[in-house]
Amino acid sequence: MAMENTGEPPCLVCKNLRIVLLGKNRSEISRVGNFILGENAFDTKAPPPSVEQHSEKAEGTVEGRNITLINTPYLFHPQLSEEELNQRLRECAALCSPGPHVLVLILHPVSELRIVLLGKSSSKISTVGNFILGEDVFDTKAPPPSVEQHSKRAAGMVEGRNITLINTPHLFDPQLSLTTLNQRVRECITLCSPGPHVLLLILHPDNFPEADRHRLDHILRSLSKDPKKHMLVVTTQRRQAVFSEYIVDENIKQIITACNKRHFKFSSECSRSDLLKMIEMMVEENREGQSKQEVPPTRELQHLKQKPQRVYEQPVREKKTSSPATELKSIEKCK
């Protein structure tokens, strides 16, 4: 698709404009198209992921000009292969033959990304967090079992984006009672107020038993009304291991499928830009239904809002109201 001289007289070019709309978010592209034509020519509702999207053409007369718009709502999708992308570009070029006069790139800037890091290994969670921010803000050494862990917050500027990370290295601890778990989740919610944009689940691909699955479901229900829309699974690998050699746990496979197959393989060779692109794509898709969770103004949580820090850790006194075994049975019943 080339911007070529169409051979049309200048007066005709002014009266006949072929415009290609480009961007990452279908809703925003369609809104701009409708705005230009002054009518609802394009559907602004994002289709479900299972629906294959193609270029659409709409025409209209605007202030004496014949305007042709080509809506291309899918070209930035990370799951498109190079062959599929080229095929879609040829489809777009055919709709705007003999060529476009204007390419309009429509972007929606996200001023801040709030990302909650979830997982079983405090070391792996912290490693991924440091990878995203490009600096060592979280300690990657696992503390001894006797040390009580709490959520921590860190923020930084990454490739022009303000990113806030909430590190939760403790929520899958099997020794936590349900009461304490709920208290820790509220602590996490407060640190990412008014709500997370992204839930990053960091797991080793062959270790996620059913008990962890039940605990994850409980945590997710507390963090978001529709958590799977906002979740991306990151699988890690052991040193000198190859992902193809792994047997991925069946529970993790099901979680990845439920998250619209959003899966990033983390290794020493992976690209931070690729991970951020995947995150931003998900945020754009969910922008209109951003995950928000109100936090009850309890006495224990009020002081958390008053001391914002770069790396945040707030101790919480723990009350043992029942045994971990009894409380974990309650978690399993929540599903």
C-alpha atoms as a PDB file:
ATOM      1  CA  MET A   1       0.000   0.000   0.000  1.00  0.00           C
ATOM      2  CA  ALA A   2       1.897   3.035  -1.287  1.00  0.00           C
ATOM      3  CA  MET A   3       1.179   6.734  -1.116  1.00  0.00           C
ATOM      4  CA  GLU A   4       1.423   7.386  -4.851  1.00  0.00           C
ATOM      5  CA  ASN A   5       0.506  10.192  -7.185  1.00  0.00           C
ATOM      6  CA  THR A   6      -2.947   9.159  -8.405  1.00  0.00           C
ATOM      7  CA  GLY A   7      -2.812  11.392 -11.458  1.00  0.00           C
ATOM      8  CA  GLU A   8      -5.984  13.180 -10.410  1.00  0.00           C
ATOM      9  CA  PRO A   9      -6.202  16.952 -10.967  1.00  0.00           C
ATOM     10  CA  PRO A  10      -5.617  18.960  -7.745  1.00  0.00           C
ATOM     11  CA  CYS A  11      -9.222  20.125  -7.665  1.00  0.00           C
ATOM     12  CA  LEU A  12     -10.488  16.532  -7.734  1.00  0.00           C
ATOM     13  CA  VAL A  13      -8.032  15.461  -5.030  1.00  0.00           C
ATOM     14  CA  CYS A  14      -9.520  18.133  -2.769  1.00  0.00           C
ATOM     15  CA  LYS A  15     -13.051  16.891  -3.448  1.00  0.00           C
ATOM     16  CA  ASN A  16     -12.252  13.146  -3.284  1.00  0.00           C
ATOM     17  CA  LEU A  17     -10.243  12.027  -0.268  1.00  0.00           C
ATOM     18  CA  ARG A  18      -9.329   8.426   0.498  1.00  0.00           C
ATOM     19  CA  ILE A  19      -8.263   8.103   4.138  1.00  0.00           C
ATOM     20  CA  VAL A  20      -6.879   4.995   5.862  1.00  0.00           C
ATOM     21  CA  LEU A  21      -7.479   4.813   9.630  1.00  0.00           C
ATOM     22  CA  LEU A  22      -4.742   2.992  11.571  1.00  0.00           C
ATOM     23  CA  GLY A  23      -4.470   2.214  15.277  1.00  0.00           C
ATOM     24  CA  LYS A  24      -4.435  -0.373  18.049  1.00  0.00           C
ATOM     25  CA  ASN A  25      -7.915   0.153  19.451  1.00  0.00           C
ATOM     26  CA  ARG A  26     -10.940  -0.673  17.278  1.00  0.00           C
ATOM     27  CA  SER A  27     -13.321   1.470  19.320  1.00  0.00           C
ATOM     28  CA  GLU A  28     -11.130   4.585  19.043  1.00  0.00           C
ATOM     29  CA  ILE A  29     -10.539   4.095  15.297  1.00  0.00           C
ATOM     30  CA  SER A  30     -14.271   3.691  14.671  1.00  0.00           C
ATOM     31  CA  ARG A  31     -15.132   6.758  16.781  1.00  0.00           C
ATOM     32  CA  VAL A  32     -12.719   8.912  14.799  1.00  0.00           C
ATOM     33  CA  GLY A  33     -14.137   7.554  11.533  1.00  0.00           C
ATOM     34  CA  ASN A  34     -17.699   8.296  12.622  1.00  0.00           C
ATOM     35  CA  PHE A  35     -16.619  11.764  13.744  1.00  0.00           C
ATOM     36  CA  ILE A  36     -15.131  12.520  10.310  1.00  0.00           C
ATOM     37  CA  LEU A  37     -18.214  11.354   8.404  1.00  0.00           C
ATOM     38  CA  GLY A  38     -20.676  12.804  10.898  1.00  0.00           C
ATOM     39  CA  GLU A  39     -22.614   9.535  11.168  1.00  0.00           C
ATOM     40  CA  ASN A  40     -22.389   6.099  12.763  1.00  0.00           C
ATOM     41  CA  ALA A  41     -20.781   4.312   9.829  1.00  0.00           C
ATOM     42  CA  PHE A  42     -18.605   1.986  11.962  1.00  0.00           C
ATOM     43  CA  ASP A  43     -19.519  -0.131  14.986  1.00  0.00           C
ATOM     44  CA  THR A  44     -17.613   1.193  18.011  1.00  0.00           C
ATOM     45  CA  LYS A  45     -18.113  -1.957  20.078  1.00  0.00           C
ATOM     46  CA  ALA A  46     -15.093  -4.234  20.115  1.00  0.00           C
ATOM     47  CA  PRO A  47     -16.018  -7.726  18.839  1.00  0.00           C
ATOM     48  CA  PRO A  48     -15.178 -10.837  20.897  1.00  0.00           C
ATOM     49  CA  PRO A  49     -11.636 -12.208  20.355  1.00  0.00           C
ATOM     50  CA  SER A  50     -12.994 -15.193  18.411  1.00  0.00           C
ATOM     51  CA  VAL A  51     -14.357 -12.940  15.636  1.00  0.00           C
ATOM     52  CA  GLU A  52     -11.926 -12.372  12.767  1.00  0.00           C
ATOM     53  CA  GLN A  53     -11.677  -8.693  11.869  1.00  0.00           C
ATOM     54  CA  HIS A  54     -11.197  -7.233   8.394  1.00  0.00           C
ATOM     55  CA  SER A  55     -10.946  -3.797   6.817  1.00  0.00           C
ATOM     56  CA  GLU A  56     -14.184  -1.880   6.351  1.00  0.00           C
ATOM     57  CA  LYS A  57     -14.961   0.926   3.924  1.00  0.00           C
ATOM     58  CA  ALA A  58     -17.436   3.754   4.453  1.00  0.00           C
ATOM     59  CA  GLU A  59     -18.169   6.779   2.284  1.00  0.00           C
ATOM     60  CA  GLY A  60     -19.904  10.087   2.722  1.00  0.00           C
ATOM     61  CA  THR A  61     -20.039  13.712   1.640  1.00  0.00           C
ATOM     62  CA  VAL A  62     -18.569  16.103   4.194  1.00  0.00           C
ATOM     63  CA  GLU A  63     -18.570  19.862   3.564  1.00  0.00           C
ATOM     64  CA  GLY A  64     -18.655  19.330  -0.188  1.00  0.00           C
ATOM     65  CA  ARG A  65     -15.960  16.639  -0.229  1.00  0.00           C
ATOM     66  CA  ASN A  66     -16.415  12.972  -1.094  1.00  0.00           C
ATOM     67  CA  ILE A  67     -14.690  11.143   1.773  1.00  0.00           C
ATOM     68  CA  THR A  68     -13.799   7.439   1.656  1.00  0.00           C
ATOM     69  CA  LEU A  69     -12.595   5.911   4.938  1.00  0.00           C
ATOM     70  CA  ILE A  70     -10.847   2.552   5.294  1.00  0.00           C
ATOM     71  CA  ASN A  71     -11.082   1.235   8.854  1.00  0.00           C
ATOM     72  CA  THR A  72      -8.256  -1.205   9.746  1.00  0.00           C
ATOM     73  CA  PRO A  73      -8.892  -2.316  13.358  1.00  0.00           C
ATOM     74  CA  TYR A  74      -6.549  -5.302  13.574  1.00  0.00           C
ATOM     75  CA  LEU A  75      -3.135  -4.615  12.001  1.00  0.00           C
ATOM     76  CA  PHE A  76      -1.394  -4.156  15.371  1.00  0.00           C
ATOM     77  CA  HIS A  77      -2.655  -7.451  16.811  1.00  0.00           C
ATOM     78  CA  PRO A  78       0.390  -9.338  18.214  1.00  0.00           C
ATOM     79  CA  GLN A  79      -1.044 -12.745  17.238  1.00  0.00           C
ATOM     80  CA  LEU A  80      -1.024 -11.956  13.495  1.00  0.00           C
ATOM     81  CA  SER A  81       1.704 -13.745  11.568  1.00  0.00           C
ATOM     82  CA  GLU A  82       3.719 -11.839   8.965  1.00  0.00           C
ATOM     83  CA  GLU A  83       1.851 -13.663   6.207  1.00  0.00           C
ATOM     84  CA  GLU A  84      -1.541 -12.749   7.697  1.00  0.00           C
ATOM     85  CA  LEU A  85      -0.457  -9.142   8.175  1.00  0.00           C
ATOM     86  CA  ASN A  86       0.628  -8.841   4.537  1.00  0.00           C
ATOM     87  CA  GLN A  87      -2.667 -10.384   3.427  1.00  0.00           C
ATOM     88  CA  ARG A  88      -4.639  -7.839   5.480  1.00  0.00           C
ATOM     89  CA  LEU A  89      -2.546  -4.995   4.057  1.00  0.00           C
ATOM     90  CA  ARG A  90      -3.342  -6.146   0.515  1.00  0.00           C
ATOM     91  CA  GLU A  91      -7.019  -6.217   1.486  1.00  0.00           C
ATOM     92  CA  CYS A  92      -6.765  -2.637   2.753  1.00  0.00           C
ATOM     93  CA  ALA A  93      -4.910  -1.508  -0.385  1.00  0.00           C
ATOM     94  CA  ALA A  94      -7.644  -2.974  -2.594  1.00  0.00           C
ATOM     95  CA  LEU A  95     -10.324  -1.028  -0.730  1.00  0.00           C
ATOM     96  CA  CYS A  96      -8.538   2.309  -1.202  1.00  0.00           C
ATOM     97  CA  SER A  97      -7.407   1.760  -4.815  1.00  0.00           C
ATOM     98  CA  PRO A  98      -5.617   3.450  -6.566  1.00  0.00           C
ATOM     99  CA  GLY A  99      -4.065   4.517  -3.248  1.00  0.00           C
ATOM    100  CA  PRO A 100      -4.739   6.535  -0.084  1.00  0.00           C
ATOM    101  CA  HIS A 101      -4.305  10.282   0.112  1.00  0.00           C
ATOM    102  CA  VAL A 102      -3.983  10.277   3.907  1.00  0.00           C
ATOM    103  CA  LEU A 103      -2.914   7.823   6.635  1.00  0.00           C
ATOM    104  CA  VAL A 104      -4.394   8.719  10.030  1.00  0.00           C
ATOM    105  CA  LEU A 105      -2.719   7.017  13.020  1.00  0.00           C
ATOM    106  CA  ILE A 106      -5.041   6.991  16.048  1.00  0.00           C
ATOM    107  CA  LEU A 107      -3.451   6.386  19.435  1.00  0.00           C
ATOM    108  CA  HIS A 108      -4.852   6.474  22.955  1.00  0.00           C
ATOM    109  CA  PRO A 109      -2.143   7.445  25.446  1.00  0.00           C
ATOM    110  CA  VAL A 110      -2.182   5.675  28.804  1.00  0.00           C
ATOM    111  CA  SER A 111      -0.750   8.029  31.432  1.00  0.00           C
ATOM    112  CA  GLU A 112      -0.142   5.283  33.965  1.00  0.00           C
ATOM    113  CA  LEU A 113      -0.116   1.512  33.996  1.00  0.00           C
ATOM    114  CA  ARG A 114      -0.868  -0.153  37.323  1.00  0.00           C
ATOM    115  CA  ILE A 115       0.303  -3.761  37.289  1.00  0.00           C
ATOM    116  CA  VAL A 116      -0.177  -6.334  40.057  1.00  0.00           C
ATOM    117  CA  LEU A 117       2.445  -9.092  40.128  1.00  0.00           C
ATOM    118  CA  LEU A 118       1.055 -12.425  41.339  1.00  0.00           C
ATOM    119  CA  GLY A 119       2.753 -15.787  41.766  1.00  0.00           C
ATOM    120  CA  LYS A 120       4.111 -18.471  44.061  1.00  0.00           C
ATOM    121  CA  SER A 121       7.817 -17.550  44.032  1.00  0.00           C
ATOM    122  CA  SER A 122       8.836 -14.225  45.577  1.00  0.00           C
ATOM    123  CA  SER A 123      12.164 -14.471  43.769  1.00  0.00           C
ATOM    124  CA  LYS A 124      10.577 -14.943  40.320  1.00  0.00           C
ATOM    125  CA  ILE A 125       7.979 -12.206  40.899  1.00  0.00           C
ATOM    126  CA  SER A 126      10.673  -9.741  41.943  1.00  0.00           C
ATOM    127  CA  THR A 127      12.886 -10.707  38.992  1.00  0.00           C
ATOM    128  CA  VAL A 128      10.077 -10.005  36.514  1.00  0.00           C
ATOM    129  CA  GLY A 129       9.258  -6.727  38.287  1.00  0.00           C
ATOM    130  CA  ASN A 130      12.883  -5.569  38.066  1.00  0.00           C
ATOM    131  CA  PHE A 131      12.933  -6.628  34.400  1.00  0.00           C
ATOM    132  CA  ILE A 132       9.908  -4.437  33.622  1.00  0.00           C
ATOM    133  CA  LEU A 133      11.253  -1.344  35.404  1.00  0.00           C
ATOM    134  CA  GLY A 134      14.846  -1.896  34.243  1.00  0.00           C
ATOM    135  CA  GLU A 135      16.316  -1.546  37.730  1.00  0.00           C
ATOM    136  CA  ASP A 136      16.658  -3.516  40.964  1.00  0.00           C
ATOM    137  CA  VAL A 137      13.757  -2.137  42.990  1.00  0.00           C
ATOM    138  CA  PHE A 138      12.700  -5.492  44.491  1.00  0.00           C
ATOM    139  CA  ASP A 139      14.908  -7.898  46.438  1.00  0.00           C
ATOM    140  CA  THR A 140      15.115 -11.167  44.468  1.00  0.00           C
ATOM    141  CA  LYS A 141      16.400 -13.196  47.422  1.00  0.00           C
ATOM    142  CA  ALA A 142      13.654 -15.253  49.042  1.00  0.00           C
ATOM    143  CA  PRO A 143      13.328 -14.316  52.727  1.00  0.00           C
ATOM    144  CA  PRO A 144      13.420 -17.026  55.390  1.00  0.00           C
ATOM    145  CA  PRO A 145      10.022 -18.542  56.309  1.00  0.00           C
ATOM    146  CA  SER A 146      10.027 -16.722  59.649  1.00  0.00           C
ATOM    147  CA  VAL A 147       9.885 -13.310  57.922  1.00  0.00           C
ATOM    148  CA  GLU A 148       6.375 -11.997  57.342  1.00  0.00           C
ATOM    149  CA  GLN A 149       5.970 -10.700  53.773  1.00  0.00           C
ATOM    150  CA  HIS A 150       3.730  -7.874  52.579  1.00  0.00           C
ATOM    151  CA  SER A 151       2.924  -6.165  49.294  1.00  0.00           C
ATOM    152  CA  LYS A 152       5.412  -3.624  47.981  1.00  0.00           C
ATOM    153  CA  ARG A 153       4.965  -0.867  45.447  1.00  0.00           C
ATOM    154  CA  ALA A 154       7.517   0.556  43.021  1.00  0.00           C
ATOM    155  CA  ALA A 155       7.135   2.998  40.141  1.00  0.00           C
ATOM    156  CA  GLY A 156       9.242   4.176  37.234  1.00  0.00           C
ATOM    157  CA  MET A 157       9.264   5.604  33.716  1.00  0.00           C
ATOM    158  CA  VAL A 158       9.710   2.901  31.058  1.00  0.00           C
ATOM    159  CA  GLU A 159       9.814   3.771  27.356  1.00  0.00           C
ATOM    160  CA  GLY A 160       7.706   6.870  27.965  1.00  0.00           C
ATOM    161  CA  ARG A 161       5.188   5.090  30.197  1.00  0.00           C
ATOM    162  CA  ASN A 162       4.556   5.669  33.905  1.00  0.00           C
ATOM    163  CA  ILE A 163       4.445   2.167  35.353  1.00  0.00           C
ATOM    164  CA  THR A 164       3.466   1.252  38.905  1.00  0.00           C
ATOM    165  CA  LEU A 165       4.100  -2.308  40.068  1.00  0.00           C
ATOM    166  CA  ILE A 166       2.531  -3.992  43.090  1.00  0.00           C
ATOM    167  CA  ASN A 167       4.628  -6.953  44.189  1.00  0.00           C
ATOM    168  CA  THR A 168       2.606  -9.567  46.129  1.00  0.00           C
ATOM    169  CA  PRO A 169       5.080 -12.301  47.074  1.00  0.00           C
ATOM    170  CA  HIS A 170       2.984 -13.934  49.766  1.00  0.00           C
ATOM    171  CA  LEU A 171      -0.579 -14.596  48.637  1.00  0.00           C
ATOM    172  CA  PHE A 172       0.023 -18.245  47.708  1.00  0.00           C
ATOM    173  CA  ASP A 173       1.631 -19.110  51.055  1.00  0.00           C
ATOM    174  CA  PRO A 174      -0.218 -22.273  52.160  1.00  0.00           C
ATOM    175  CA  GLN A 175       0.230 -21.269  55.810  1.00  0.00           C
ATOM    176  CA  LEU A 176      -1.915 -18.147  55.400  1.00  0.00           C
ATOM    177  CA  SER A 177      -5.363 -18.375  56.921  1.00  0.00           C
ATOM    178  CA  LEU A 178      -8.289 -17.155  54.837  1.00  0.00           C
ATOM    179  CA  THR A 179      -8.725 -14.179  57.149  1.00  0.00           C
ATOM    180  CA  THR A 180      -5.088 -13.160  56.714  1.00  0.00           C
ATOM    181  CA  LEU A 181      -5.242 -13.758  52.959  1.00  0.00           C
ATOM    182  CA  ASN A 182      -8.236 -11.426  52.626  1.00  0.00           C
ATOM    183  CA  GLN A 183      -6.414  -8.829  54.692  1.00  0.00           C
ATOM    184  CA  ARG A 184      -3.333  -9.049  52.420  1.00  0.00           C
ATOM    185  CA  VAL A 185      -5.492  -8.755  49.287  1.00  0.00           C
ATOM    186  CA  ARG A 186      -7.087  -5.566  50.674  1.00  0.00           C
ATOM    187  CA  GLU A 187      -3.596  -4.237  51.333  1.00  0.00           C
ATOM    188  CA  CYS A 188      -2.688  -4.929  47.685  1.00  0.00           C
ATOM    189  CA  ILE A 189      -5.878  -3.244  46.431  1.00  0.00           C
ATOM    190  CA  THR A 190      -5.074  -0.113  48.415  1.00  0.00           C
ATOM    191  CA  LEU A 191      -1.598   0.124  46.890  1.00  0.00           C
ATOM    192  CA  CYS A 192      -2.999  -0.020  43.342  1.00  0.00           C
ATOM    193  CA  SER A 193      -6.001   2.282  43.886  1.00  0.00           C
ATOM    194  CA  PRO A 194      -8.292   2.990  42.037  1.00  0.00           C
ATOM    195  CA  GLY A 195      -7.654  -0.449  40.537  1.00  0.00           C
ATOM    196  CA  PRO A 196      -5.169  -2.477  38.498  1.00  0.00           C
ATOM    197  CA  HIS A 197      -4.973  -2.285  34.719  1.00  0.00           C
ATOM    198  CA  VAL A 198      -3.101  -5.599  34.518  1.00  0.00           C
ATOM    199  CA  LEU A 199      -2.842  -8.766  36.598  1.00  0.00           C
ATOM    200  CA  LEU A 200       0.469 -10.447  35.766  1.00  0.00           C
ATOM    201  CA  LEU A 201       0.458 -14.094  36.904  1.00  0.00           C
ATOM    202  CA  ILE A 202       4.065 -15.354  37.104  1.00  0.00           C
ATOM    203  CA  LEU A 203       4.401 -19.134  37.315  1.00  0.00           C
ATOM    204  CA  HIS A 204       6.744 -21.994  36.601  1.00  0.00           C
ATOM    205  CA  PRO A 205       4.995 -23.941  33.811  1.00  0.00           C
ATOM    206  CA  ASP A 206       4.950 -27.361  35.477  1.00  0.00           C
ATOM    207  CA  ASN A 207       3.958 -26.535  39.047  1.00  0.00           C
ATOM    208  CA  PHE A 208       0.419 -25.351  39.747  1.00  0.00           C
ATOM    209  CA  PRO A 209      -1.682 -27.915  41.637  1.00  0.00           C
ATOM    210  CA  GLU A 210      -5.435 -27.737  42.200  1.00  0.00           C
ATOM    211  CA  ALA A 211      -5.087 -26.157  45.646  1.00  0.00           C
ATOM    212  CA  ASP A 212      -3.207 -23.231  44.082  1.00  0.00           C
ATOM    213  CA  ARG A 213      -5.916 -22.938  41.429  1.00  0.00           C
ATOM    214  CA  HIS A 214      -8.609 -22.535  44.101  1.00  0.00           C
ATOM    215  CA  ARG A 215      -6.529 -19.946  45.946  1.00  0.00           C
ATOM    216  CA  LEU A 216      -5.931 -18.040  42.688  1.00  0.00           C
ATOM    217  CA  ASP A 217      -9.675 -17.958  41.954  1.00  0.00           C
ATOM    218  CA  HIS A 218     -10.308 -16.506  45.401  1.00  0.00           C
ATOM    219  CA  ILE A 219      -7.613 -13.831  44.960  1.00  0.00           C
ATOM    220  CA  LEU A 220      -8.816 -12.856  41.482  1.00  0.00           C
ATOM    221  CA  ARG A 221     -12.438 -12.481  42.575  1.00  0.00           C
ATOM    222  CA  SER A 222     -11.232 -10.056  45.243  1.00  0.00           C
ATOM    223  CA  LEU A 223      -9.126  -7.989  42.814  1.00  0.00           C
ATOM    224  CA  SER A 224     -11.503  -7.555  39.881  1.00  0.00           C
ATOM    225  CA  LYS A 225     -15.062  -8.169  38.730  1.00  0.00           C
ATOM    226  CA  ASP A 226     -13.796  -9.727  35.503  1.00  0.00           C
ATOM    227  CA  PRO A 227     -10.178 -10.711  36.273  1.00  0.00           C
ATOM    228  CA  LYS A 228      -9.451 -12.953  33.267  1.00  0.00           C
ATOM    229  CA  LYS A 229      -9.911  -9.949  30.928  1.00  0.00           C
ATOM    230  CA  HIS A 230      -7.073  -8.188  32.723  1.00  0.00           C
ATOM    231  CA  MET A 231      -4.706 -11.118  33.278  1.00  0.00           C
ATOM    232  CA  LEU A 232      -1.595 -12.162  31.392  1.00  0.00           C
ATOM    233  CA  VAL A 233       0.306 -15.355  32.258  1.00  0.00           C
ATOM    234  CA  VAL A 234       4.106 -15.206  32.407  1.00  0.00           C
ATOM    235  CA  THR A 235       5.895 -18.555  32.601  1.00  0.00           C
ATOM    236  CA  THR A 236       9.491 -18.745  33.771  1.00  0.00           C
ATOM    237  CA  GLN A 237      12.161 -21.355  33.135  1.00  0.00           C
ATOM    238  CA  ARG A 238      14.994 -22.863  35.100  1.00  0.00           C
ATOM    239  CA  ARG A 239      18.542 -22.077  34.147  1.00  0.00           C
ATOM    240  CA  GLN A 240      19.843 -23.842  31.032  1.00  0.00           C
ATOM    241  CA  ALA A 241      16.362 -25.135  30.257  1.00  0.00           C
ATOM    242  CA  VAL A 242      14.432 -24.988  27.020  1.00  0.00           C
ATOM    243  CA  PHE A 243      10.707 -24.180  26.977  1.00  0.00           C
ATOM    244  CA  SER A 244      10.009 -26.928  24.471  1.00  0.00           C
ATOM    245  CA  GLU A 245      11.252 -29.459  27.033  1.00  0.00           C
ATOM    246  CA  TYR A 246       8.660 -28.401  29.586  1.00  0.00           C
ATOM    247  CA  ILE A 247       5.451 -30.216  30.339  1.00  0.00           C
ATOM    248  CA  VAL A 248       3.015 -27.391  30.987  1.00  0.00           C
ATOM    249  CA  ASP A 249       0.676 -28.050  33.886  1.00  0.00           C
ATOM    250  CA  GLU A 250      -2.932 -28.646  32.808  1.00  0.00           C
ATOM    251  CA  ASN A 251      -4.231 -26.015  35.235  1.00  0.00           C
ATOM    252  CA  ILE A 252      -1.898 -23.414  33.702  1.00  0.00           C
ATOM    253  CA  LYS A 253      -3.043 -24.377  30.206  1.00  0.00           C
ATOM    254  CA  GLN A 254      -6.644 -23.764  31.236  1.00  0.00           C
ATOM    255  CA  ILE A 255      -5.752 -20.399  32.794  1.00  0.00           C
ATOM    256  CA  ILE A 256      -3.934 -19.289  29.624  1.00  0.00           C
ATOM    257  CA  THR A 257      -6.944 -20.294  27.516  1.00  0.00           C
ATOM    258  CA  ALA A 258      -9.295 -18.383  29.830  1.00  0.00           C
ATOM    259  CA  CYS A 259      -7.065 -15.290  29.432  1.00  0.00           C
ATOM    260  CA  ASN A 260      -7.575 -15.277  25.653  1.00  0.00           C
ATOM    261  CA  LYS A 261      -4.249 -17.144  25.292  1.00  0.00           C
ATOM    262  CA  ARG A 262      -2.223 -14.192  26.576  1.00  0.00           C
ATOM    263  CA  HIS A 263       1.022 -15.907  27.472  1.00  0.00           C
ATOM    264  CA  PHE A 264       4.579 -14.553  27.690  1.00  0.00           C
ATOM    265  CA  LYS A 265       7.616 -16.820  28.071  1.00  0.00           C
ATOM    266  CA  PHE A 266      10.137 -15.132  30.337  1.00  0.00           C
ATOM    267  CA  SER A 267      13.812 -15.928  29.879  1.00  0.00           C
ATOM    268  CA  SER A 268      17.189 -14.220  29.714  1.00  0.00           C
ATOM    269  CA  GLU A 269      16.677 -13.738  25.955  1.00  0.00           C
ATOM    270  CA  CYS A 270      13.175 -12.225  26.053  1.00  0.00           C
ATOM    271  CA  SER A 271      12.414  -8.612  25.156  1.00  0.00           C
ATOM    272  CA  ARG A 272      10.929  -6.109  27.590  1.00  0.00           C
ATOM    273  CA  SER A 273       9.393  -4.222  24.665  1.00  0.00           C
ATOM    274  CA  ASP A 274       7.549  -7.371  23.567  1.00  0.00           C
ATOM    275  CA  LEU A 275       6.103  -7.842  27.048  1.00  0.00           C
ATOM    276  CA  LEU A 276       5.046  -4.174  27.243  1.00  0.00           C
ATOM    277  CA  LYS A 277       3.416  -4.369  23.805  1.00  0.00           C
ATOM    278  CA  MET A 278       1.403  -7.397  24.922  1.00  0.00           C
ATOM    279  CA  ILE A 279       0.370  -5.578  28.102  1.00  0.00           C
ATOM    280  CA  GLU A 280      -0.607  -2.405  26.243  1.00  0.00           C
ATOM    281  CA  MET A 281      -2.629  -4.372  23.691  1.00  0.00           C
ATOM    282  CA  MET A 282      -4.647  -5.933  26.503  1.00  0.00           C
ATOM    283  CA  VAL A 283      -5.132  -2.548  28.215  1.00  0.00           C
ATOM    284  CA  GLU A 284      -6.379  -1.013  24.973  1.00  0.00           C
ATOM    285  CA  GLU A 285      -8.857  -3.863  24.489  1.00  0.00           C
ATOM    286  CA  ASN A 286     -10.169  -3.454  28.026  1.00  0.00           C
ATOM    287  CA  ARG A 287      -9.968   0.340  28.306  1.00  0.00           C
ATOM    288  CA  GLU A 288     -13.705   0.894  28.365  1.00  0.00           C
ATOM    289  CA  GLY A 289     -14.194  -1.733  31.055  1.00  0.00           C
ATOM    290  CA  GLN A 290     -11.187  -0.895  33.188  1.00  0.00           C
ATOM    291  CA  SER A 291     -10.912  -3.015  36.311  1.00  0.00           C
ATOM    292  CA  LYS A 292     -11.772  -1.041  39.423  1.00  0.00           C
ATOM    293  CA  GLN A 293     -12.251  -2.218  42.978  1.00  0.00           C
ATOM    294  CA  GLU A 294     -13.415  -0.082  45.861  1.00  0.00           C
ATOM    295  CA  VAL A 295     -11.653  -0.671  49.164  1.00  0.00           C
ATOM    296  CA  PRO A 296     -13.638  -0.506  52.422  1.00  0.00           C
ATOM    297  CA  PRO A 297     -12.301   2.394  54.517  1.00  0.00           C
ATOM    298  CA  THR A 298     -11.225   0.190  57.414  1.00  0.00           C
ATOM    299  CA  ARG A 299      -9.116   1.553  60.231  1.00  0.00           C
ATOM    300  CA  GLU A 300      -6.267  -0.830  59.331  1.00  0.00           C
ATOM    301  CA  LEU A 301      -6.020   0.496  55.742  1.00  0.00           C
ATOM    302  CA  GLN A 302      -6.424   4.263  56.218  1.00  0.00           C
ATOM    303  CA  HIS A 303      -2.748   4.923  56.998  1.00  0.00           C
ATOM    304  CA  LEU A 304      -1.635   3.067  53.847  1.00  0.00           C
ATOM    305  CA  LYS A 305      -3.016   5.890  51.681  1.00  0.00           C
ATOM    306  CA  GLN A 306      -1.111   8.625  53.505  1.00  0.00           C
ATOM    307  CA  LYS A 307       2.506   7.652  52.837  1.00  0.00           C
ATOM    308  CA  PRO A 308       3.197   7.069  49.125  1.00  0.00           C
ATOM    309  CA  GLN A 309       6.736   5.766  48.598  1.00  0.00           C
ATOM    310  CA  ARG A 310       8.791   4.453  45.711  1.00  0.00           C
ATOM    311  CA  VAL A 311       9.062   1.043  47.348  1.00  0.00           C
ATOM    312  CA  TYR A 312       6.176   0.479  49.747  1.00  0.00           C
ATOM    313  CA  GLU A 313       5.943  -2.050  52.512  1.00  0.00           C
ATOM    314  CA  GLN A 314       3.432  -1.912  55.334  1.00  0.00           C
ATOM    315  CA  PRO A 315       3.363  -4.454  58.161  1.00  0.00           C
ATOM    316  CA  VAL A 316      -0.009  -5.787  59.195  1.00  0.00           C
ATOM    317  CA  ARG A 317      -0.640  -7.484  62.510  1.00  0.00           C
ATOM    318  CA  GLU A 318      -1.888 -10.980  62.054  1.00  0.00           C
ATOM    319  CA  LYS A 319      -4.625 -12.533  64.177  1.00  0.00           C
ATOM    320  CA  LYS A 320      -4.815 -16.320  64.175  1.00  0.00           C
ATOM    321  CA  THR A 321      -8.523 -16.988  64.218  1.00  0.00           C
ATOM    322  CA  SER A 322      -8.394 -20.495  62.817  1.00  0.00           C
ATOM    323  CA  SER A 323      -5.974 -23.068  61.481  1.00  0.00           C
ATOM    324  CA  PRO A 324      -4.691 -22.830  57.885  1.00  0.00           C
ATOM    325  CA  ALA A 325      -6.149 -26.221  57.083  1.00  0.00           C
ATOM    326  CA  THR A 326      -9.648 -25.158  58.126  1.00  0.00           C
ATOM    327  CA  GLU A 327      -9.451 -21.902  56.179  1.00  0.00           C
ATOM    328  CA  LEU A 328      -8.140 -23.550  53.010  1.00  0.00           C
ATOM    329  CA  LYS A 329     -11.217 -25.782  52.969  1.00  0.00           C
ATOM    330  CA  SER A 330     -13.276 -22.597  52.875  1.00  0.00           C
ATOM    331  CA  ILE A 331     -11.277 -21.378  49.859  1.00  0.00           C
ATOM    332  CA  GLU A 332     -12.052 -24.572  47.974  1.00  0.00           C
ATOM    333  CA  LYS A 333     -15.762 -24.089  48.655  1.00  0.00           C
ATOM    334  CA  CYS A 334     -15.642 -20.600  47.157  1.00  0.00           C
ATOM    335  CA  LYS A 335     -15.320 -21.872  43.608  1.00  0.00           C
END
